[in-house]
Protein backbone atom coordinates (compact mmCIF):
# COMPACT_ATOMS: atom_id res chain seq x y z
CA UNK A 1 102.09 95.80 111.63
CA UNK A 2 100.49 92.35 111.89
CA UNK A 3 101.04 92.30 115.66
CA UNK A 4 99.35 95.71 115.96
CA UNK A 5 96.43 94.47 113.87
CA UNK A 6 96.05 91.38 116.08
CA UNK A 7 96.04 93.50 119.25
CA UNK A 8 93.42 95.82 117.73
CA UNK A 9 91.26 92.84 116.80
CA UNK A 10 91.41 91.51 120.38
CA UNK A 11 90.66 94.92 121.87
CA UNK A 12 87.76 95.43 119.44
CA UNK A 13 86.44 91.96 120.25
CA UNK A 14 86.47 92.66 124.00
CA UNK A 15 84.93 96.12 123.69
CA UNK A 16 82.11 95.05 121.39
CA UNK A 17 81.50 91.94 123.52
CA UNK A 18 80.99 94.21 126.54
CA UNK A 19 78.74 96.47 124.50
CA UNK A 20 76.75 93.45 123.30
CA UNK A 21 76.37 92.17 126.85
CA UNK A 22 75.20 95.63 127.95
CA UNK A 23 72.60 95.78 125.17
CA UNK A 24 71.46 92.24 126.01
CA UNK A 25 71.19 93.22 129.69
CA UNK A 26 69.06 96.23 128.75
CA UNK A 27 66.76 94.11 126.55
CA UNK A 28 66.42 91.40 129.22
CA UNK A 29 65.70 93.98 131.93
CA UNK A 30 63.06 95.67 129.83
CA UNK A 31 61.43 92.30 129.14
CA UNK A 32 61.13 91.61 132.89
CA UNK A 33 63.95 89.06 133.39
CA UNK A 34 65.52 90.43 136.56
CA UNK A 35 67.36 87.28 137.67
CA UNK A 36 70.80 87.20 136.02
CA UNK A 37 70.98 83.37 136.20
CA UNK A 38 67.78 82.64 134.31
CA UNK A 39 67.70 81.76 130.62
CA UNK A 40 65.43 84.71 129.66
CA UNK A 41 68.24 86.96 130.88
CA UNK A 42 71.26 84.98 129.71
CA UNK A 43 69.97 84.20 126.22
CA UNK A 44 69.95 87.77 124.77
CA UNK A 45 73.00 88.87 126.79
CA UNK A 46 75.16 85.94 125.68
CA UNK A 47 73.94 86.09 122.09
CA UNK A 48 74.70 89.78 121.72
CA UNK A 49 78.02 89.46 123.56
CA UNK A 50 79.15 86.67 121.20
CA UNK A 51 77.89 88.63 118.17
CA UNK A 52 79.72 91.74 119.38
CA UNK A 53 82.94 89.78 119.93
CA UNK A 54 82.79 88.32 116.43
CA UNK A 55 81.97 91.69 114.90
CA UNK A 56 84.83 93.36 116.77
CA UNK A 57 87.25 90.64 115.66
CA UNK A 58 86.31 91.17 112.01
CA UNK A 59 85.74 94.90 111.55
CA UNK A 60 88.18 96.56 113.99
CA UNK A 61 91.10 96.72 111.47
CA UNK A 62 88.78 98.19 108.85
CA UNK A 63 87.47 100.81 111.27
CA UNK A 64 90.88 101.70 112.76
CA UNK A 65 93.76 100.58 110.51
CA UNK A 66 92.34 101.47 107.10
CA UNK A 67 91.53 105.12 107.97
CA UNK A 68 94.88 105.43 109.76
CA UNK A 69 96.75 104.06 106.71
CA UNK A 70 94.83 106.38 104.39
CA UNK A 71 95.58 109.43 106.53
CA UNK A 72 99.24 108.40 106.85
CA UNK A 73 99.59 108.06 103.07
CA UNK A 74 98.00 111.43 102.43
CA UNK A 75 100.19 113.14 105.02
CA UNK A 76 103.36 111.66 103.48
CA UNK A 77 102.34 113.06 100.08
CA UNK A 78 101.80 116.58 101.42
CA UNK A 79 104.93 118.77 101.25
CA UNK A 80 106.34 119.47 104.71
CA UNK A 81 106.09 123.20 103.99
CA UNK A 82 102.30 122.91 103.68
CA UNK A 83 102.04 120.82 106.86
CA UNK A 84 104.04 123.40 108.78
CA UNK A 85 102.05 126.35 107.46
CA UNK A 86 98.74 124.50 107.93
CA UNK A 87 99.56 123.77 111.58
CA UNK A 88 100.42 127.41 112.18
CA UNK A 89 97.19 128.49 110.46
CA UNK A 90 95.11 126.07 112.55
CA UNK A 91 96.64 127.37 115.79
CA UNK A 92 96.10 130.99 114.74
CA UNK A 93 92.51 130.32 113.68
CA UNK A 94 91.63 128.57 116.96
CA UNK A 95 93.22 131.41 118.94
CA UNK A 96 91.19 134.01 117.03
CA UNK A 97 87.97 132.02 117.54
CA UNK A 98 88.29 131.96 121.36
CA UNK A 99 86.72 135.40 122.08
CA UNK A 100 83.86 134.80 119.65
CA UNK A 101 83.22 131.28 120.94
CA UNK A 102 83.20 132.59 124.51
CA UNK A 103 80.70 135.31 123.58
CA UNK A 104 78.22 133.06 121.76
CA UNK A 105 78.39 130.47 124.55
CA UNK A 106 76.07 132.75 126.57
CA UNK A 107 73.28 132.31 124.03
CA UNK A 108 70.37 130.06 125.04
CA UNK A 109 70.63 126.34 124.32
CA UNK A 110 71.16 124.78 121.80
CA UNK A 111 72.84 127.81 120.15
CA UNK A 112 75.13 128.34 123.14
CA UNK A 113 76.38 124.76 122.78
CA UNK A 114 76.61 124.42 119.00
CA UNK A 115 77.87 127.84 117.88
CA UNK A 116 81.19 127.82 119.86
CA UNK A 117 82.11 124.51 118.22
CA UNK A 118 81.15 125.83 114.77
CA UNK A 119 83.21 128.99 115.34
CA UNK A 120 86.28 126.95 116.27
CA UNK A 121 85.92 124.69 113.21
CA UNK A 122 85.29 127.60 110.84
CA UNK A 123 88.18 129.79 112.02
CA UNK A 124 90.58 126.82 112.32
CA UNK A 125 89.83 125.73 108.74
CA UNK A 126 90.03 129.32 107.48
CA UNK A 127 93.41 129.79 109.16
CA UNK A 128 94.79 126.60 107.61
CA UNK A 129 93.55 127.55 104.12
CA UNK A 130 94.96 131.08 104.27
CA UNK A 131 98.38 129.99 105.55
CA UNK A 132 98.75 127.23 102.94
CA UNK A 133 97.54 129.32 99.99
CA UNK A 134 99.63 132.35 100.94
CA UNK A 135 102.70 130.42 102.13
CA UNK A 136 105.02 131.91 99.49
CA UNK A 137 103.90 135.49 100.18
CA UNK A 138 104.28 135.00 103.93
CA UNK A 139 107.70 133.45 103.51
CA UNK A 140 108.79 136.42 101.41
CA UNK A 141 107.34 138.75 104.06
CA UNK A 142 109.24 136.98 106.84
CA UNK A 143 112.48 136.90 104.85
CA UNK A 144 112.16 133.15 104.15
CA UNK A 145 114.17 132.37 107.28
CA UNK A 146 111.57 130.73 109.55
CA UNK A 147 109.94 128.36 107.07
CA UNK A 148 113.15 127.53 105.26
CA UNK A 149 114.93 126.56 108.47
CA UNK A 150 112.04 124.52 109.84
CA UNK A 151 111.35 122.46 106.71
CA UNK A 152 114.59 121.90 104.76
CA UNK A 153 113.29 118.76 103.07
CA UNK A 154 110.62 120.83 101.31
CA UNK A 155 112.99 123.62 100.31
CA UNK A 156 112.28 124.86 96.82
CA UNK A 157 116.08 124.93 96.28
CA UNK A 158 116.37 121.19 96.96
CA UNK A 159 117.63 118.87 94.21
CA UNK A 160 116.40 115.29 93.89
CA UNK A 161 119.15 112.87 92.85
CA UNK A 162 118.34 109.97 90.54
CA UNK A 163 120.06 106.57 90.57
CA UNK A 164 121.94 107.10 87.30
CA UNK A 165 123.52 110.40 88.34
CA UNK A 166 124.69 108.90 91.65
CA UNK A 167 126.31 105.92 89.91
CA UNK A 168 127.82 108.25 87.28
CA UNK A 169 129.75 110.00 90.06
CA UNK A 170 130.28 113.39 88.44
CA UNK A 171 127.76 114.94 90.84
CA UNK A 172 130.37 114.57 93.60
CA UNK A 173 132.85 116.67 91.60
CA UNK A 174 130.19 119.22 90.65
CA UNK A 175 129.17 119.62 94.30
CA UNK A 176 132.76 120.66 95.09
CA UNK A 177 132.71 123.55 92.61
CA UNK A 178 130.15 125.68 94.44
CA UNK A 179 127.83 125.91 91.43
CA UNK A 180 125.10 123.89 93.22
CA UNK A 181 122.96 125.68 95.79
CA UNK A 182 120.43 124.06 98.08
CA UNK A 183 120.11 120.57 99.52
CA UNK A 184 120.80 117.34 97.65
CA UNK A 185 117.86 115.03 98.42
CA UNK A 186 118.15 111.25 98.07
CA UNK A 187 114.75 109.53 98.49
CA UNK A 188 114.92 106.27 100.41
CA UNK A 189 113.50 104.34 97.44
CA UNK A 190 116.50 105.51 95.36
CA UNK A 191 118.83 104.33 98.13
CA UNK A 192 117.04 100.96 98.17
CA UNK A 193 117.39 100.69 94.37
CA UNK A 194 121.14 101.35 94.70
CA UNK A 195 121.39 98.66 97.35
CA UNK A 196 119.46 96.23 95.14
CA UNK A 197 121.88 96.91 92.26
CA UNK A 198 124.86 96.52 94.61
CA UNK A 199 123.55 93.07 95.65
CA UNK A 200 123.00 91.92 92.06
CA UNK A 201 124.42 88.60 90.90
CA UNK A 202 125.75 90.32 87.77
CA UNK A 203 129.31 91.50 88.40
CA UNK A 204 129.02 94.70 86.36
CA UNK A 205 125.72 95.76 87.97
CA UNK A 206 127.11 94.93 91.39
CA UNK A 207 130.16 97.08 90.71
CA UNK A 208 127.97 100.00 89.53
CA UNK A 209 125.75 99.75 92.61
CA UNK A 210 128.70 99.75 94.98
CA UNK A 211 130.17 102.71 93.14
CA UNK A 212 126.91 104.58 93.70
CA UNK A 213 126.99 103.85 97.44
CA UNK A 214 130.61 105.01 97.57
CA UNK A 215 129.65 108.25 95.79
CA UNK A 216 126.91 108.89 98.35
CA UNK A 217 129.40 108.34 101.16
CA UNK A 218 131.80 110.76 99.50
CA UNK A 219 129.04 113.35 99.12
CA UNK A 220 128.14 113.09 102.81
CA UNK A 221 131.77 113.57 103.84
CA UNK A 222 133.16 116.08 101.34
CA UNK A 223 130.29 117.91 99.61
CA UNK A 224 130.10 121.68 100.05
CA UNK A 225 126.29 121.48 99.94
CA UNK A 226 124.18 119.47 102.43
CA UNK A 227 122.90 116.04 101.39
CA UNK A 228 119.95 114.36 103.05
CA UNK A 229 118.21 110.97 102.74
CA UNK A 230 114.46 111.61 102.90
CA UNK A 231 111.69 109.14 103.74
CA UNK A 232 109.16 110.97 101.57
CA UNK A 233 107.52 108.52 99.18
CA UNK A 234 104.74 108.22 96.60
CA UNK A 235 102.93 105.01 97.45
CA UNK A 236 100.54 105.09 94.48
CA UNK A 237 103.47 104.67 92.03
CA UNK A 238 105.56 101.50 91.88
CA UNK A 239 108.55 102.37 89.62
CA UNK A 240 111.39 104.46 91.01
CA UNK A 241 111.42 106.90 88.07
CA UNK A 242 107.69 107.52 88.40
CA UNK A 243 108.03 108.04 92.16
CA UNK A 244 110.87 110.50 91.57
CA UNK A 245 108.91 112.57 89.05
CA UNK A 246 105.81 112.70 91.27
CA UNK A 247 107.88 113.58 94.32
CA UNK A 248 109.57 116.38 92.36
CA UNK A 249 106.12 117.73 91.46
CA UNK A 250 104.99 117.54 95.09
CA UNK A 251 108.11 119.34 96.34
CA UNK A 252 108.34 121.71 93.37
CA UNK A 253 112.04 120.98 92.95
CA UNK A 254 114.19 119.77 90.00
CA UNK A 255 115.63 116.32 89.34
CA UNK A 256 119.36 115.83 88.71
CA UNK A 257 119.92 112.96 86.27
CA UNK A 258 121.76 111.82 83.16
CA UNK A 259 119.03 109.33 82.16
CA UNK A 260 117.64 110.38 78.76
CA UNK A 261 114.26 108.66 79.21
CA UNK A 262 113.71 110.08 82.70
CA UNK A 263 114.70 113.48 81.34
CA UNK A 264 112.00 113.38 78.65
CA UNK A 265 109.27 111.97 80.93
CA UNK A 266 109.95 114.58 83.60
CA UNK A 267 109.93 117.46 81.10
CA UNK A 268 106.63 116.24 79.61
CA UNK A 269 105.11 116.44 83.11
CA UNK A 270 106.43 119.93 83.72
CA UNK A 271 109.27 118.94 86.06
CA UNK A 272 112.55 120.81 85.73
CA UNK A 273 115.52 118.57 84.97
CA UNK A 274 119.24 119.23 85.45
CA UNK A 275 121.04 116.87 83.08
CA UNK A 276 124.69 116.26 83.92
CA UNK A 277 125.47 115.23 80.32
CA UNK A 278 124.08 118.51 79.01
CA UNK A 279 126.16 120.37 81.59
CA UNK A 280 129.29 118.48 80.53
CA UNK A 281 128.66 119.35 76.86
CA UNK A 282 128.02 122.99 77.74
CA UNK A 283 131.37 123.44 79.51
CA UNK A 284 133.51 121.70 76.91
CA UNK A 285 136.15 123.72 75.13
CA UNK A 286 134.69 126.02 72.47
CA UNK A 287 136.65 125.85 69.24
CA UNK A 288 136.14 127.64 65.93
CA UNK A 289 136.88 126.78 62.33
CA UNK A 290 140.53 127.57 61.58
CA UNK A 291 141.61 127.54 65.24
CA UNK A 292 144.84 125.76 66.18
CA UNK A 293 144.98 122.98 68.77
CA UNK A 294 147.61 120.66 70.17
CA UNK A 295 146.44 117.06 70.50
CA UNK A 296 148.08 113.69 71.07
CA UNK A 297 147.07 111.03 68.53
CA UNK A 298 146.39 107.77 70.37
CA UNK A 299 144.61 105.52 67.85
CA UNK A 300 143.48 105.03 64.26
CA UNK A 301 140.23 106.49 62.96
CA UNK A 302 137.44 104.69 61.11
CA UNK A 303 138.52 106.11 57.75
CA UNK A 304 141.87 105.39 56.08
CA UNK A 305 144.83 107.45 57.38
CA UNK A 306 142.74 109.08 60.12
CA UNK A 307 144.11 109.52 63.60
CA UNK A 308 142.08 110.12 66.77
CA UNK A 309 143.00 112.06 69.87
CA UNK A 310 141.15 113.66 72.77
CA UNK A 311 141.23 117.04 74.46
CA UNK A 312 141.49 117.35 78.23
CA UNK A 313 137.71 117.57 78.55
CA UNK A 314 137.19 114.34 76.60
CA UNK A 315 136.24 115.90 73.24
CA UNK A 316 137.17 113.63 70.35
CA UNK A 317 139.46 115.11 67.68
CA UNK A 318 139.59 113.29 64.33
CA UNK A 319 142.74 114.27 62.40
CA UNK A 320 142.94 113.69 58.66
CA UNK A 321 146.24 112.08 57.65
CA UNK A 322 146.96 111.64 61.34
CA UNK A 323 147.50 107.90 61.39
CA UNK A 324 151.27 108.17 61.01
CA UNK A 325 151.43 110.43 64.08
CA UNK A 326 150.03 107.85 66.53
CA UNK A 327 151.60 108.26 70.02
CA UNK A 328 152.82 111.73 69.10
CA UNK A 329 151.56 115.21 70.00
CA UNK A 330 150.57 117.23 66.97
CA UNK A 331 149.58 120.81 66.15
CA UNK A 332 146.38 120.73 64.13
CA UNK A 333 143.96 123.20 62.53
CA UNK A 334 140.20 122.78 63.10
CA UNK A 335 138.26 122.20 59.87
CA UNK A 336 134.82 121.28 61.24
CA UNK A 337 132.97 120.98 64.57
CA UNK A 338 130.14 118.42 64.75
CA UNK A 339 127.65 118.11 67.61
CA UNK A 340 126.27 114.56 67.99
CA UNK A 341 124.07 112.77 70.50
CA UNK A 342 127.22 111.32 72.08
CA UNK A 343 128.89 114.72 72.37
CA UNK A 344 131.04 117.10 70.34
CA UNK A 345 133.46 115.92 67.64
CA UNK A 346 136.20 118.04 66.12
CA UNK A 347 137.68 117.37 62.68
CA UNK A 348 141.13 118.78 61.97
CA UNK A 349 144.16 118.49 59.76
CA UNK A 350 147.83 118.60 60.84
CA UNK A 351 150.22 121.48 60.43
CA UNK A 352 153.41 120.87 58.50
CA UNK A 353 155.38 120.19 61.69
CA UNK A 354 154.82 118.32 64.89
CA UNK A 355 156.69 117.69 68.06
CA UNK A 356 157.22 114.50 70.02
CA UNK A 357 156.35 114.36 73.70
């Protein structure tokens, strides 16, 4: 970028120096200095050429680079679906304006010169506005095939993955079940955050980051749904979570996460969130008061004589008077089911008999 800016400065300096020399030549000629080697001619020409060179060296990046950067940032924030539909609308509008522009070009000047240009601008802008505003209706009319195939990164069925859910790893197993539809989208700034964590000096953070990269590799190889790394970004926001929420709003797609804070922030801003922890709690075994279970006691509980075991889905079972059955499988009767922030807990008491594994 710096090399491009330097080249633009040099080009601007040369161009404005030539323009300055031309203006100085015009002034000198009008003042009567016809000889190019005399001071009355050289003084204004050289002065304006030097002034033009200096002005070009200073202002060229502001005139060229700043507008280009602004346009580039705005385009990156516009959903690809809108860009596609806007381009189609512009082409259709210009095509429609051709007969009218040709007709009004026969009017006397200046109407014959100005009106064709105005017709093209008006119909082109109208075509863009109509196609963007009615994109959903047109997509439904066309069967959603054309737009959906051309702009998969803006698909309303896309799912944005957050850093925590990638490191967690369960998304790879969920993607194998067929319950997820659409495209898994990984923004590049999330990938860069994973790489930063993987390069951390802290051993635990480094291990988590590398696990996240391994999960992404597994998703690319084995997932039943497509996964794509997208370069779409939100340059006005610095933090990754804020970028993710704003990008989800721009694309009108949900975020997959297990981060509690991101979950709340996204919901407050009207962004749909798919929380893996909530999914895990929802699919855990449903048990009722008085139901019988078989559980293996593996450790002591916090209260005297309690034993603790776990079901296959990870649900904790606290068994009263179960301490003496540690390392044994036991038939128990459910006495209470408690839902906590950490998950579901089951309280039970043993039957009169048990069997060893």
